[in-house]
């Protein structure tokens, strides 16, 4: 699945991931390939990228928005730190 993690300053990550776990406004949620489309607000917390069934990279965001479409996911974060 294609993921784009974007802060106001730059594109922090773009590429293929197996799964992503994101801190939604009402709780964490996971996104896999061909997920049902939706859009949600995000809260502060870790964005965890998975490859081969294991956590691969973790970024910390301070909030923002997420759009999920069948082809992938776009996270527009207020700020991003590489954890």
C-alpha atoms as a PDB file:
ATOM      1  CA  UNK A   1       0.000   0.000   0.000  1.00  0.00           C
ATOM      2  CA  UNK A   2       1.254   3.494  -0.826  1.00  0.00           C
ATOM      3  CA  UNK A   3       1.759   5.864   2.128  1.00  0.00           C
ATOM      4  CA  UNK A   4       2.539   9.575   2.107  1.00  0.00           C
ATOM      5  CA  UNK A   5       3.406  11.215   5.444  1.00  0.00           C
ATOM      6  CA  UNK A   6       3.553  14.964   4.983  1.00  0.00           C
ATOM      7  CA  UNK A   7       4.382  17.817   7.364  1.00  0.00           C
ATOM      8  CA  UNK A   8       3.990  21.524   6.556  1.00  0.00           C
ATOM      9  CA  UNK A   9       7.727  21.691   5.810  1.00  0.00           C
ATOM     10  CA  UNK A  10       8.271  18.598   3.656  1.00  0.00           C
ATOM     11  CA  UNK A  11       7.286  15.119   2.566  1.00  0.00           C
ATOM     12  CA  UNK A  12       8.632  13.040   5.456  1.00  0.00           C
ATOM     13  CA  UNK A  13       7.945   9.598   3.979  1.00  0.00           C
ATOM     14  CA  UNK A  14       6.505   8.253   0.763  1.00  0.00           C
ATOM     15  CA  UNK A  15       6.610   4.615  -0.222  1.00  0.00           C
ATOM     16  CA  UNK A  16       5.075   1.194   0.101  1.00  0.00           C
ATOM     17  CA  UNK A  17       4.203  -0.267   3.503  1.00  0.00           C
ATOM     18  CA  UNK A  18       2.419  -3.442   4.526  1.00  0.00           C
ATOM     19  CA  UNK A  19       0.343  -1.731   7.226  1.00  0.00           C
ATOM     20  CA  UNK A  20       0.225   1.531   9.143  1.00  0.00           C
ATOM     21  CA  UNK A  21      -1.142   2.211  12.641  1.00  0.00           C
ATOM     22  CA  UNK A  22      -2.260   5.807  13.135  1.00  0.00           C
ATOM     23  CA  UNK A  23      -3.445   7.765  16.223  1.00  0.00           C
ATOM     24  CA  UNK A  24      -6.984   8.757  15.241  1.00  0.00           C
ATOM     25  CA  UNK A  25      -8.955  11.375  17.152  1.00  0.00           C
ATOM     26  CA  UNK A  26     -11.124   8.609  18.679  1.00  0.00           C
ATOM     27  CA  UNK A  27      -8.470   5.922  18.985  1.00  0.00           C
ATOM     28  CA  UNK A  28      -5.698   4.170  17.096  1.00  0.00           C
ATOM     29  CA  UNK A  29      -6.558   2.445  13.827  1.00  0.00           C
ATOM     30  CA  UNK A  30      -4.726   0.238  11.375  1.00  0.00           C
ATOM     31  CA  UNK A  31      -4.808   0.532   7.599  1.00  0.00           C
ATOM     32  CA  UNK A  32      -4.093  -2.287   5.165  1.00  0.00           C
ATOM     33  CA  UNK A  33      -4.133  -2.356   1.366  1.00  0.00           C
ATOM     34  CA  UNK A  34      -7.624  -1.793  -0.138  1.00  0.00           C
ATOM     35  CA  UNK A  35      -9.052  -0.370   3.105  1.00  0.00           C
ATOM     36  CA  UNK A  36     -12.482   1.253   2.896  1.00  0.00           C
ATOM     37  CA  UNK A  37     -12.160   4.991   2.119  1.00  0.00           C
ATOM     38  CA  UNK A  38     -12.549   7.514   4.934  1.00  0.00           C
ATOM     39  CA  UNK A  39     -11.094  10.729   6.346  1.00  0.00           C
ATOM     40  CA  UNK A  40     -10.434  11.537   9.989  1.00  0.00           C
ATOM     41  CA  UNK A  41      -8.719  13.954  12.329  1.00  0.00           C
ATOM     42  CA  UNK A  42      -5.591  12.767  14.133  1.00  0.00           C
ATOM     43  CA  UNK A  43      -4.337  13.311  17.655  1.00  0.00           C
ATOM     44  CA  UNK A  44      -0.776  13.397  18.988  1.00  0.00           C
ATOM     45  CA  UNK A  45       0.954  10.031  19.005  1.00  0.00           C
ATOM     46  CA  UNK A  46       3.034   7.493  17.120  1.00  0.00           C
ATOM     47  CA  UNK A  47       2.542   6.569  13.459  1.00  0.00           C
ATOM     48  CA  UNK A  48       3.923   3.048  13.094  1.00  0.00           C
ATOM     49  CA  UNK A  49       4.855   1.622   9.685  1.00  0.00           C
ATOM     50  CA  UNK A  50       4.925  -2.171   9.314  1.00  0.00           C
ATOM     51  CA  UNK A  51       6.882  -4.353   6.886  1.00  0.00           C
ATOM     52  CA  UNK A  52       6.927  -8.171   6.926  1.00  0.00           C
ATOM     53  CA  UNK A  53       4.557  -8.277   9.897  1.00  0.00           C
ATOM     54  CA  UNK A  54       6.822  -6.199  12.162  1.00  0.00           C
ATOM     55  CA  UNK A  55       7.140  -2.513  13.069  1.00  0.00           C
ATOM     56  CA  UNK A  56       9.690  -0.983  10.684  1.00  0.00           C
ATOM     57  CA  UNK A  57       9.631   2.778  11.382  1.00  0.00           C
ATOM     58  CA  UNK A  58       7.922   5.015  13.931  1.00  0.00           C
ATOM     59  CA  UNK A  59       7.181   8.723  13.556  1.00  0.00           C
ATOM     60  CA  UNK A  60       5.564  10.932  16.201  1.00  0.00           C
ATOM     61  CA  UNK A  61       2.941  13.442  15.052  1.00  0.00           C
ATOM     62  CA  UNK A  62       1.207  16.246  16.956  1.00  0.00           C
ATOM     63  CA  UNK A  63      -2.114  15.930  15.141  1.00  0.00           C
ATOM     64  CA  UNK A  64      -3.455  16.490  11.667  1.00  0.00           C
ATOM     65  CA  UNK A  65      -5.670  14.687   9.153  1.00  0.00           C
ATOM     66  CA  UNK A  66      -5.633  11.329   7.409  1.00  0.00           C
ATOM     67  CA  UNK A  67      -7.280  10.280   4.156  1.00  0.00           C
ATOM     68  CA  UNK A  68      -7.551   6.585   3.342  1.00  0.00           C
ATOM     69  CA  UNK A  69      -8.380   5.460  -0.189  1.00  0.00           C
ATOM     70  CA  UNK A  70      -8.281   1.924  -1.629  1.00  0.00           C
ATOM     71  CA  UNK A  71      -4.833   2.582  -3.161  1.00  0.00           C
ATOM     72  CA  UNK A  72      -3.213   3.933  -0.009  1.00  0.00           C
ATOM     73  CA  UNK A  73      -3.107   6.524   2.736  1.00  0.00           C
ATOM     74  CA  UNK A  74      -2.134  10.192   3.073  1.00  0.00           C
ATOM     75  CA  UNK A  75      -1.271  11.596   6.509  1.00  0.00           C
ATOM     76  CA  UNK A  76      -1.122  15.400   6.707  1.00  0.00           C
ATOM     77  CA  UNK A  77       0.510  16.027  10.073  1.00  0.00           C
ATOM     78  CA  UNK A  78       0.831  19.298  12.004  1.00  0.00           C
ATOM     79  CA  UNK A  79       4.427  18.274  12.793  1.00  0.00           C
ATOM     80  CA  UNK A  80       6.458  15.070  12.522  1.00  0.00           C
ATOM     81  CA  UNK A  81       9.457  13.741  14.456  1.00  0.00           C
ATOM     82  CA  UNK A  82      11.345  10.588  13.541  1.00  0.00           C
ATOM     83  CA  UNK A  83      11.254   8.386  16.661  1.00  0.00           C
END
